[in-house]
C-alpha atoms as a PDB file:
ATOM      1  CA  UNK A   1     -15.342  15.060 -37.954  1.00  0.00           C
ATOM      2  CA  UNK A   2     -12.333  16.692 -39.882  1.00  0.00           C
ATOM      3  CA  UNK A   3      -9.257  14.633 -40.286  1.00  0.00           C
ATOM      4  CA  UNK A   4      -6.971  17.317 -38.898  1.00  0.00           C
ATOM      5  CA  UNK A   5      -9.130  17.594 -35.491  1.00  0.00           C
ATOM      6  CA  UNK A   6      -7.291  16.477 -32.611  1.00  0.00           C
ATOM      7  CA  UNK A   7      -9.161  14.907 -29.888  1.00  0.00           C
ATOM      8  CA  UNK A   8      -7.592  14.823 -26.516  1.00  0.00           C
ATOM      9  CA  UNK A   9      -8.383  12.578 -24.097  1.00  0.00           C
ATOM     10  CA  UNK A  10      -9.945  13.916 -20.673  1.00  0.00           C
ATOM     11  CA  UNK A  11      -8.403  12.637 -17.656  1.00  0.00           C
ATOM     12  CA  UNK A  12      -9.928  12.576 -13.970  1.00  0.00           C
ATOM     13  CA  UNK A  13      -7.546  14.542 -11.614  1.00  0.00           C
ATOM     14  CA  UNK A  14      -7.368  13.607  -7.915  1.00  0.00           C
ATOM     15  CA  UNK A  15      -6.244  16.810  -6.526  1.00  0.00           C
ATOM     16  CA  UNK A  16      -7.401  17.585  -3.027  1.00  0.00           C
ATOM     17  CA  UNK A  17      -6.701  21.006  -1.150  1.00  0.00           C
ATOM     18  CA  UNK A  18      -6.576  19.769   2.547  1.00  0.00           C
ATOM     19  CA  UNK A  19      -6.901  16.555   3.945  1.00  0.00           C
ATOM     20  CA  UNK A  20     -10.764  15.745   4.721  1.00  0.00           C
ATOM     21  CA  UNK A  21     -11.777  15.959   8.398  1.00  0.00           C
ATOM     22  CA  UNK A  22     -12.349  12.309   8.691  1.00  0.00           C
ATOM     23  CA  UNK A  23      -8.766  11.470   7.980  1.00  0.00           C
ATOM     24  CA  UNK A  24      -7.402  14.098  10.359  1.00  0.00           C
ATOM     25  CA  UNK A  25      -9.906  12.829  13.446  1.00  0.00           C
ATOM     26  CA  UNK A  26      -8.596   8.913  12.611  1.00  0.00           C
ATOM     27  CA  UNK A  27      -4.982  10.097  12.518  1.00  0.00           C
ATOM     28  CA  UNK A  28      -5.090  11.839  15.863  1.00  0.00           C
ATOM     29  CA  UNK A  29      -5.179   8.133  17.293  1.00  0.00           C
ATOM     30  CA  UNK A  30      -1.429   8.187  16.148  1.00  0.00           C
ATOM     31  CA  UNK A  31      -0.168  11.241  17.728  1.00  0.00           C
ATOM     32  CA  UNK A  32       1.857   9.700  20.111  1.00  0.00           C
ATOM     33  CA  UNK A  33       3.663   7.762  17.129  1.00  0.00           C
ATOM     34  CA  UNK A  34       4.675  10.846  15.181  1.00  0.00           C
ATOM     35  CA  UNK A  35       6.070  14.253  15.250  1.00  0.00           C
ATOM     36  CA  UNK A  36       3.909  16.952  14.075  1.00  0.00           C
ATOM     37  CA  UNK A  37       5.331  17.028  10.335  1.00  0.00           C
ATOM     38  CA  UNK A  38       5.287  13.184  10.252  1.00  0.00           C
ATOM     39  CA  UNK A  39       1.760  13.437  11.185  1.00  0.00           C
ATOM     40  CA  UNK A  40       1.209  15.578   8.206  1.00  0.00           C
ATOM     41  CA  UNK A  41       2.906  12.913   5.739  1.00  0.00           C
ATOM     42  CA  UNK A  42       0.899  10.013   7.329  1.00  0.00           C
ATOM     43  CA  UNK A  43      -2.105  11.814   6.726  1.00  0.00           C
ATOM     44  CA  UNK A  44      -1.027  12.666   3.155  1.00  0.00           C
ATOM     45  CA  UNK A  45      -0.640   8.902   2.662  1.00  0.00           C
ATOM     46  CA  UNK A  46      -4.081   7.829   3.936  1.00  0.00           C
ATOM     47  CA  UNK A  47      -5.328  10.239   1.632  1.00  0.00           C
ATOM     48  CA  UNK A  48      -3.839   8.750  -1.213  1.00  0.00           C
ATOM     49  CA  UNK A  49      -4.676   5.519  -0.314  1.00  0.00           C
ATOM     50  CA  UNK A  50      -8.158   6.323  -0.372  1.00  0.00           C
ATOM     51  CA  UNK A  51      -8.292   7.825  -3.507  1.00  0.00           C
ATOM     52  CA  UNK A  52      -8.977   6.215  -6.501  1.00  0.00           C
ATOM     53  CA  UNK A  53      -5.444   6.500  -8.383  1.00  0.00           C
ATOM     54  CA  UNK A  54      -4.289   4.699 -11.454  1.00  0.00           C
ATOM     55  CA  UNK A  55      -1.112   3.797  -9.218  1.00  0.00           C
ATOM     56  CA  UNK A  56      -0.725   3.982  -5.965  1.00  0.00           C
ATOM     57  CA  UNK A  57       2.977   5.195  -5.550  1.00  0.00           C
ATOM     58  CA  UNK A  58       4.701   7.867  -3.839  1.00  0.00           C
ATOM     59  CA  UNK A  59       4.706  10.166  -7.094  1.00  0.00           C
ATOM     60  CA  UNK A  60       0.981   9.986  -7.387  1.00  0.00           C
ATOM     61  CA  UNK A  61       0.197  10.221  -3.947  1.00  0.00           C
ATOM     62  CA  UNK A  62       2.412  13.409  -3.582  1.00  0.00           C
ATOM     63  CA  UNK A  63       0.627  14.889  -6.289  1.00  0.00           C
ATOM     64  CA  UNK A  64      -2.928  14.242  -5.329  1.00  0.00           C
ATOM     65  CA  UNK A  65      -2.563  17.125  -2.584  1.00  0.00           C
ATOM     66  CA  UNK A  66      -2.121  20.715  -3.113  1.00  0.00           C
ATOM     67  CA  UNK A  67       1.214  21.755  -2.060  1.00  0.00           C
ATOM     68  CA  UNK A  68       2.279  18.046  -1.940  1.00  0.00           C
ATOM     69  CA  UNK A  69       6.044  17.222  -1.212  1.00  0.00           C
ATOM     70  CA  UNK A  70       7.080  14.168  -2.816  1.00  0.00           C
ATOM     71  CA  UNK A  71      10.636  14.102  -1.188  1.00  0.00           C
ATOM     72  CA  UNK A  72       9.059  15.009   2.182  1.00  0.00           C
ATOM     73  CA  UNK A  73       6.702  11.567   1.924  1.00  0.00           C
ATOM     74  CA  UNK A  74       9.616   9.913   0.642  1.00  0.00           C
ATOM     75  CA  UNK A  75      11.676  10.492   3.687  1.00  0.00           C
ATOM     76  CA  UNK A  76       8.789   9.999   5.837  1.00  0.00           C
ATOM     77  CA  UNK A  77       8.376   6.161   4.531  1.00  0.00           C
ATOM     78  CA  UNK A  78      12.018   5.477   4.081  1.00  0.00           C
ATOM     79  CA  UNK A  79      14.143   7.131   6.678  1.00  0.00           C
ATOM     80  CA  UNK A  80      12.202   8.972   9.038  1.00  0.00           C
ATOM     81  CA  UNK A  81      12.725   7.670  12.810  1.00  0.00           C
ATOM     82  CA  UNK A  82       9.320   6.412  13.805  1.00  0.00           C
ATOM     83  CA  UNK A  83       8.654   2.957  15.315  1.00  0.00           C
ATOM     84  CA  UNK A  84       6.472   0.889  12.747  1.00  0.00           C
ATOM     85  CA  UNK A  85       5.771  -1.537  15.550  1.00  0.00           C
ATOM     86  CA  UNK A  86       4.480   0.815  17.676  1.00  0.00           C
ATOM     87  CA  UNK A  87       2.041   2.090  14.991  1.00  0.00           C
ATOM     88  CA  UNK A  88       1.055  -1.339  14.576  1.00  0.00           C
ATOM     89  CA  UNK A  89       0.409  -2.112  18.155  1.00  0.00           C
ATOM     90  CA  UNK A  90      -1.789   0.747  17.878  1.00  0.00           C
ATOM     91  CA  UNK A  91      -3.571   0.001  14.668  1.00  0.00           C
ATOM     92  CA  UNK A  92      -4.666  -3.600  16.317  1.00  0.00           C
ATOM     93  CA  UNK A  93      -5.759  -1.749  19.617  1.00  0.00           C
ATOM     94  CA  UNK A  94      -8.328   0.392  17.731  1.00  0.00           C
ATOM     95  CA  UNK A  95      -9.443  -2.974  15.974  1.00  0.00           C
ATOM     96  CA  UNK A  96      -9.698  -4.572  19.103  1.00  0.00           C
ATOM     97  CA  UNK A  97     -11.525  -1.652  20.935  1.00  0.00           C
ATOM     98  CA  UNK A  98     -14.516  -1.629  18.243  1.00  0.00           C
ATOM     99  CA  UNK A  99     -16.952  -4.561  18.775  1.00  0.00           C
ATOM    100  CA  UNK A 100     -17.544  -4.585  15.017  1.00  0.00           C
ATOM    101  CA  UNK A 101     -13.702  -5.267  14.230  1.00  0.00           C
ATOM    102  CA  UNK A 102     -12.377  -7.038  17.322  1.00  0.00           C
ATOM    103  CA  UNK A 103     -11.203 -10.957  16.789  1.00  0.00           C
ATOM    104  CA  UNK A 104     -12.827 -13.717  17.896  1.00  0.00           C
ATOM    105  CA  UNK A 105     -12.742 -17.380  18.414  1.00  0.00           C
ATOM    106  CA  UNK A 106     -14.783 -17.928  15.254  1.00  0.00           C
ATOM    107  CA  UNK A 107     -11.698 -16.482  13.305  1.00  0.00           C
ATOM    108  CA  UNK A 108      -8.542 -17.858  11.737  1.00  0.00           C
ATOM    109  CA  UNK A 109      -5.104 -16.620  11.666  1.00  0.00           C
ATOM    110  CA  UNK A 110      -3.695 -17.207   8.042  1.00  0.00           C
ATOM    111  CA  UNK A 111       0.250 -17.504   7.719  1.00  0.00           C
ATOM    112  CA  UNK A 112       1.769 -17.224   4.223  1.00  0.00           C
ATOM    113  CA  UNK A 113       4.166 -15.321   2.302  1.00  0.00           C
ATOM    114  CA  UNK A 114       4.249 -12.728  -0.494  1.00  0.00           C
ATOM    115  CA  UNK A 115       6.614 -11.047  -2.610  1.00  0.00           C
ATOM    116  CA  UNK A 116       7.636  -7.987  -4.598  1.00  0.00           C
ATOM    117  CA  UNK A 117       8.976  -8.580  -8.300  1.00  0.00           C
ATOM    118  CA  UNK A 118      12.432  -6.715  -8.713  1.00  0.00           C
ATOM    119  CA  UNK A 119      14.620  -5.555 -11.386  1.00  0.00           C
ATOM    120  CA  UNK A 120      17.801  -5.423  -9.620  1.00  0.00           C
ATOM    121  CA  UNK A 121      19.623  -6.820  -6.246  1.00  0.00           C
ATOM    122  CA  UNK A 122      19.902  -3.717  -4.425  1.00  0.00           C
ATOM    123  CA  UNK A 123      16.913  -4.158  -1.964  1.00  0.00           C
ATOM    124  CA  UNK A 124      17.074  -6.005   1.181  1.00  0.00           C
ATOM    125  CA  UNK A 125      16.805  -9.408   0.617  1.00  0.00           C
ATOM    126  CA  UNK A 126      16.307  -9.577  -3.338  1.00  0.00           C
ATOM    127  CA  UNK A 127      17.453 -12.369  -5.237  1.00  0.00           C
ATOM    128  CA  UNK A 128      15.976 -15.136  -7.859  1.00  0.00           C
ATOM    129  CA  UNK A 129      13.628 -17.377  -5.394  1.00  0.00           C
ATOM    130  CA  UNK A 130      10.139 -18.529  -5.889  1.00  0.00           C
ATOM    131  CA  UNK A 131       7.262 -15.886  -6.118  1.00  0.00           C
ATOM    132  CA  UNK A 132       4.001 -17.373  -5.182  1.00  0.00           C
ATOM    133  CA  UNK A 133       1.899 -15.205  -7.420  1.00  0.00           C
ATOM    134  CA  UNK A 134       4.088 -16.049 -10.469  1.00  0.00           C
ATOM    135  CA  UNK A 135       4.486 -19.697  -9.783  1.00  0.00           C
ATOM    136  CA  UNK A 136       8.178 -19.473 -10.529  1.00  0.00           C
ATOM    137  CA  UNK A 137      11.529 -18.400  -9.717  1.00  0.00           C
ATOM    138  CA  UNK A 138      11.859 -14.733 -10.332  1.00  0.00           C
ATOM    139  CA  UNK A 139      14.055 -11.907  -8.981  1.00  0.00           C
ATOM    140  CA  UNK A 140      12.297 -10.432  -5.757  1.00  0.00           C
ATOM    141  CA  UNK A 141      12.071  -9.936  -2.053  1.00  0.00           C
ATOM    142  CA  UNK A 142       9.499 -11.852   0.155  1.00  0.00           C
ATOM    143  CA  UNK A 143       7.925 -11.281   3.579  1.00  0.00           C
ATOM    144  CA  UNK A 144       6.102 -13.670   5.666  1.00  0.00           C
ATOM    145  CA  UNK A 145       2.986 -12.506   6.728  1.00  0.00           C
ATOM    146  CA  UNK A 146       0.120 -13.293   9.230  1.00  0.00           C
ATOM    147  CA  UNK A 147      -3.612 -12.191   8.654  1.00  0.00           C
ATOM    148  CA  UNK A 148      -6.934 -12.619  10.405  1.00  0.00           C
ATOM    149  CA  UNK A 149      -9.987 -13.666   8.836  1.00  0.00           C
ATOM    150  CA  UNK A 150     -13.746 -14.565   9.823  1.00  0.00           C
ATOM    151  CA  UNK A 151     -17.083 -14.319   8.146  1.00  0.00           C
ATOM    152  CA  UNK A 152     -17.384 -10.876   7.952  1.00  0.00           C
ATOM    153  CA  UNK A 153     -13.813  -9.356   7.692  1.00  0.00           C
ATOM    154  CA  UNK A 154     -10.349 -10.015   7.476  1.00  0.00           C
ATOM    155  CA  UNK A 155      -7.086  -7.739   8.123  1.00  0.00           C
ATOM    156  CA  UNK A 156      -3.253  -8.137   8.222  1.00  0.00           C
ATOM    157  CA  UNK A 157      -1.768  -8.771  11.700  1.00  0.00           C
ATOM    158  CA  UNK A 158       2.108  -8.652  11.027  1.00  0.00           C
ATOM    159  CA  UNK A 159       4.842  -9.311   8.506  1.00  0.00           C
ATOM    160  CA  UNK A 160       8.629 -10.204   8.732  1.00  0.00           C
ATOM    161  CA  UNK A 161      10.953  -9.648   6.032  1.00  0.00           C
ATOM    162  CA  UNK A 162      12.534 -12.850   4.866  1.00  0.00           C
ATOM    163  CA  UNK A 163      16.537 -12.513   4.145  1.00  0.00           C
ATOM    164  CA  UNK A 164      17.770 -15.286   2.382  1.00  0.00           C
ATOM    165  CA  UNK A 165      21.089 -17.189   3.888  1.00  0.00           C
ATOM    166  CA  UNK A 166      23.459 -16.055   1.103  1.00  0.00           C
ATOM    167  CA  UNK A 167      22.541 -12.428   1.635  1.00  0.00           C
ATOM    168  CA  UNK A 168      24.148 -12.441   5.098  1.00  0.00           C
ATOM    169  CA  UNK A 169      27.767 -11.382   5.606  1.00  0.00           C
ATOM    170  CA  UNK A 170      30.559 -14.051   6.071  1.00  0.00           C
ATOM    171  CA  UNK A 171      31.576 -12.359   9.484  1.00  0.00           C
ATOM    172  CA  UNK A 172      27.592 -12.647  10.624  1.00  0.00           C
ATOM    173  CA  UNK A 173      26.695 -15.478  13.043  1.00  0.00           C
ATOM    174  CA  UNK A 174      24.357 -18.195  11.458  1.00  0.00           C
ATOM    175  CA  UNK A 175      22.247 -17.617  14.301  1.00  0.00           C
ATOM    176  CA  UNK A 176      21.049 -14.368  12.596  1.00  0.00           C
ATOM    177  CA  UNK A 177      19.647 -16.478   9.784  1.00  0.00           C
ATOM    178  CA  UNK A 178      15.893 -17.411  10.037  1.00  0.00           C
ATOM    179  CA  UNK A 179      14.081 -19.618   7.909  1.00  0.00           C
ATOM    180  CA  UNK A 180      10.605 -18.862   6.761  1.00  0.00           C
ATOM    181  CA  UNK A 181       9.350 -21.937   9.009  1.00  0.00           C
ATOM    182  CA  UNK A 182      10.979 -20.119  12.076  1.00  0.00           C
ATOM    183  CA  UNK A 183       9.089 -16.795  11.241  1.00  0.00           C
ATOM    184  CA  UNK A 184       5.733 -18.466  10.829  1.00  0.00           C
ATOM    185  CA  UNK A 185       6.025 -19.838  14.279  1.00  0.00           C
ATOM    186  CA  UNK A 186       7.032 -16.462  15.310  1.00  0.00           C
ATOM    187  CA  UNK A 187       4.061 -14.686  13.843  1.00  0.00           C
ATOM    188  CA  UNK A 188       1.855 -17.304  15.712  1.00  0.00           C
ATOM    189  CA  UNK A 189       3.465 -16.346  18.920  1.00  0.00           C
ATOM    190  CA  UNK A 190       3.246 -12.775  17.902  1.00  0.00           C
ATOM    191  CA  UNK A 191      -0.638 -13.003  17.270  1.00  0.00           C
ATOM    192  CA  UNK A 192      -1.042 -14.814  20.473  1.00  0.00           C
ATOM    193  CA  UNK A 193       0.878 -12.046  22.565  1.00  0.00           C
ATOM    194  CA  UNK A 194      -0.917  -9.473  20.678  1.00  0.00           C
ATOM    195  CA  UNK A 195      -4.538 -10.851  21.950  1.00  0.00           C
ATOM    196  CA  UNK A 196      -5.606 -11.448  18.721  1.00  0.00           C
ATOM    197  CA  UNK A 197      -8.598 -14.149  19.382  1.00  0.00           C
ATOM    198  CA  UNK A 198      -8.538 -17.160  16.738  1.00  0.00           C
ATOM    199  CA  UNK A 199      -9.191 -21.155  17.167  1.00  0.00           C
ATOM    200  CA  UNK A 200      -7.568 -22.001  13.639  1.00  0.00           C
ATOM    201  CA  UNK A 201      -4.561 -21.529  11.953  1.00  0.00           C
ATOM    202  CA  UNK A 202      -4.246 -21.700   7.982  1.00  0.00           C
ATOM    203  CA  UNK A 203      -1.097 -22.644   6.475  1.00  0.00           C
ATOM    204  CA  UNK A 204       0.478 -22.947   3.184  1.00  0.00           C
ATOM    205  CA  UNK A 205       1.660 -26.327   2.094  1.00  0.00           C
ATOM    206  CA  UNK A 206       5.193 -25.027   2.091  1.00  0.00           C
ATOM    207  CA  UNK A 207       4.897 -24.420   6.200  1.00  0.00           C
ATOM    208  CA  UNK A 208       3.073 -27.818   6.640  1.00  0.00           C
ATOM    209  CA  UNK A 209       5.955 -29.545   8.787  1.00  0.00           C
ATOM    210  CA  UNK A 210       6.527 -30.815  12.057  1.00  0.00           C
ATOM    211  CA  UNK A 211       7.891 -27.661  13.653  1.00  0.00           C
ATOM    212  CA  UNK A 212       4.819 -25.581  12.704  1.00  0.00           C
ATOM    213  CA  UNK A 213       2.093 -28.132  13.309  1.00  0.00           C
ATOM    214  CA  UNK A 214       4.065 -29.270  16.569  1.00  0.00           C
ATOM    215  CA  UNK A 215       3.613 -25.762  17.661  1.00  0.00           C
ATOM    216  CA  UNK A 216      -0.020 -24.936  16.787  1.00  0.00           C
ATOM    217  CA  UNK A 217      -0.903 -28.523  18.743  1.00  0.00           C
ATOM    218  CA  UNK A 218       1.148 -27.362  22.059  1.00  0.00           C
ATOM    219  CA  UNK A 219      -1.058 -24.365  21.774  1.00  0.00           C
ATOM    220  CA  UNK A 220      -4.352 -26.337  21.337  1.00  0.00           C
ATOM    221  CA  UNK A 221      -4.790 -24.453  18.065  1.00  0.00           C
ATOM    222  CA  UNK A 222      -6.878 -26.306  15.173  1.00  0.00           C
ATOM    223  CA  UNK A 223      -4.474 -26.275  11.854  1.00  0.00           C
ATOM    224  CA  UNK A 224      -5.539 -26.694   8.500  1.00  0.00           C
ATOM    225  CA  UNK A 225      -3.484 -27.036   5.131  1.00  0.00           C
ATOM    226  CA  UNK A 226      -3.364 -28.598   1.668  1.00  0.00           C
ATOM    227  CA  UNK A 227      -1.280 -31.462   0.680  1.00  0.00           C
ATOM    228  CA  UNK A 228       0.897 -32.048  -2.439  1.00  0.00           C
ATOM    229  CA  UNK A 229       0.378 -35.085  -4.707  1.00  0.00           C
ATOM    230  CA  UNK A 230       3.483 -36.703  -3.526  1.00  0.00           C
ATOM    231  CA  UNK A 231       3.191 -35.608   0.136  1.00  0.00           C
ATOM    232  CA  UNK A 232       2.188 -38.340   3.029  1.00  0.00           C
ATOM    233  CA  UNK A 233       0.600 -37.663   6.223  1.00  0.00           C
ATOM    234  CA  UNK A 234       0.249 -40.085   8.896  1.00  0.00           C
ATOM    235  CA  UNK A 235      -1.231 -39.813  12.219  1.00  0.00           C
ATOM    236  CA  UNK A 236       1.278 -40.305  15.390  1.00  0.00           C
ATOM    237  CA  UNK A 237       0.248 -43.795  15.836  1.00  0.00           C
ATOM    238  CA  UNK A 238       0.961 -44.804  12.519  1.00  0.00           C
ATOM    239  CA  UNK A 239       4.127 -43.087  12.580  1.00  0.00           C
ATOM    240  CA  UNK A 240       5.416 -44.847  15.507  1.00  0.00           C
ATOM    241  CA  UNK A 241       4.112 -48.269  13.984  1.00  0.00           C
ATOM    242  CA  UNK A 242       6.178 -47.632  10.692  1.00  0.00           C
ATOM    243  CA  UNK A 243       9.233 -47.071  12.530  1.00  0.00           C
ATOM    244  CA  UNK A 244       8.431 -49.962  14.771  1.00  0.00           C
ATOM    245  CA  UNK A 245       8.204 -51.648  11.498  1.00  0.00           C
ATOM    246  CA  UNK A 246      11.019 -50.320   9.920  1.00  0.00           C
ATOM    247  CA  UNK A 247      13.495 -51.299  12.559  1.00  0.00           C
ATOM    248  CA  UNK A 248      11.853 -54.778  12.372  1.00  0.00           C
ATOM    249  CA  UNK A 249      13.006 -55.016   8.611  1.00  0.00           C
ATOM    250  CA  UNK A 250      16.421 -53.649   9.170  1.00  0.00           C
ATOM    251  CA  UNK A 251      17.066 -56.749  11.855  1.00  0.00           C
ATOM    252  CA  UNK A 252      15.527 -59.349   9.244  1.00  0.00           C
ATOM    253  CA  UNK A 253      18.046 -57.576   6.884  1.00  0.00           C
ATOM    254  CA  UNK A 254      20.867 -58.277   8.963  1.00  0.00           C
ATOM    255  CA  UNK A 255      19.835 -61.766  10.125  1.00  0.00           C
ATOM    256  CA  UNK A 256      19.823 -62.361   6.119  1.00  0.00           C
ATOM    257  CA  UNK A 257      23.408 -61.163   5.477  1.00  0.00           C
END
């Protein structure tokens, strides 16, 4: 090969002239959620998720379709007035309708949180805080999530964005702030109300506390978690005995003094 020969790398382009029929048929299940143009953008977004794109961002998804429109797709996801909760409920109904994908008492509900690294603080909830995937404090925003899992399948149920307390304006009432623990309990309630079948709740050790455990036990749900090295978990009987012994020690100390 001569030195002045230029070798160009061939890149595979994912460009589709129109949305495939299977995606169109599937998206018809959500016609009651979207308007005509919203449904077209929804189909384009689903198409982009199915393609093998190096980066699945809006720019790449918009470019994968002939006559794709990035601005329209961006407006659809960020400002268009469709109801995301209604969309999620419809998705879960479709899952529950099929015997191959519906939930069962053999499954479990997973409560955890995840985050996305950010370079600035303009995104709602973004600030330096612990990011589990990084294992350290970093600038990010956090969502608390619920997932269903069993031996053959797993899928997300819902999520709630976590807004740190210092992000609330002074004029707003303290009741508007909710901890991750509050959201964990709300997500378990939400799954039960949606008719998701499960017998166990798997929780990260950051959610292992009286409020979450007490709620699971009141709902007759088994719970599983992992303890840190310095954590101590006592059965209820031992807790009561330790309280009694602590009171006895205090009385003895008073007598001595």
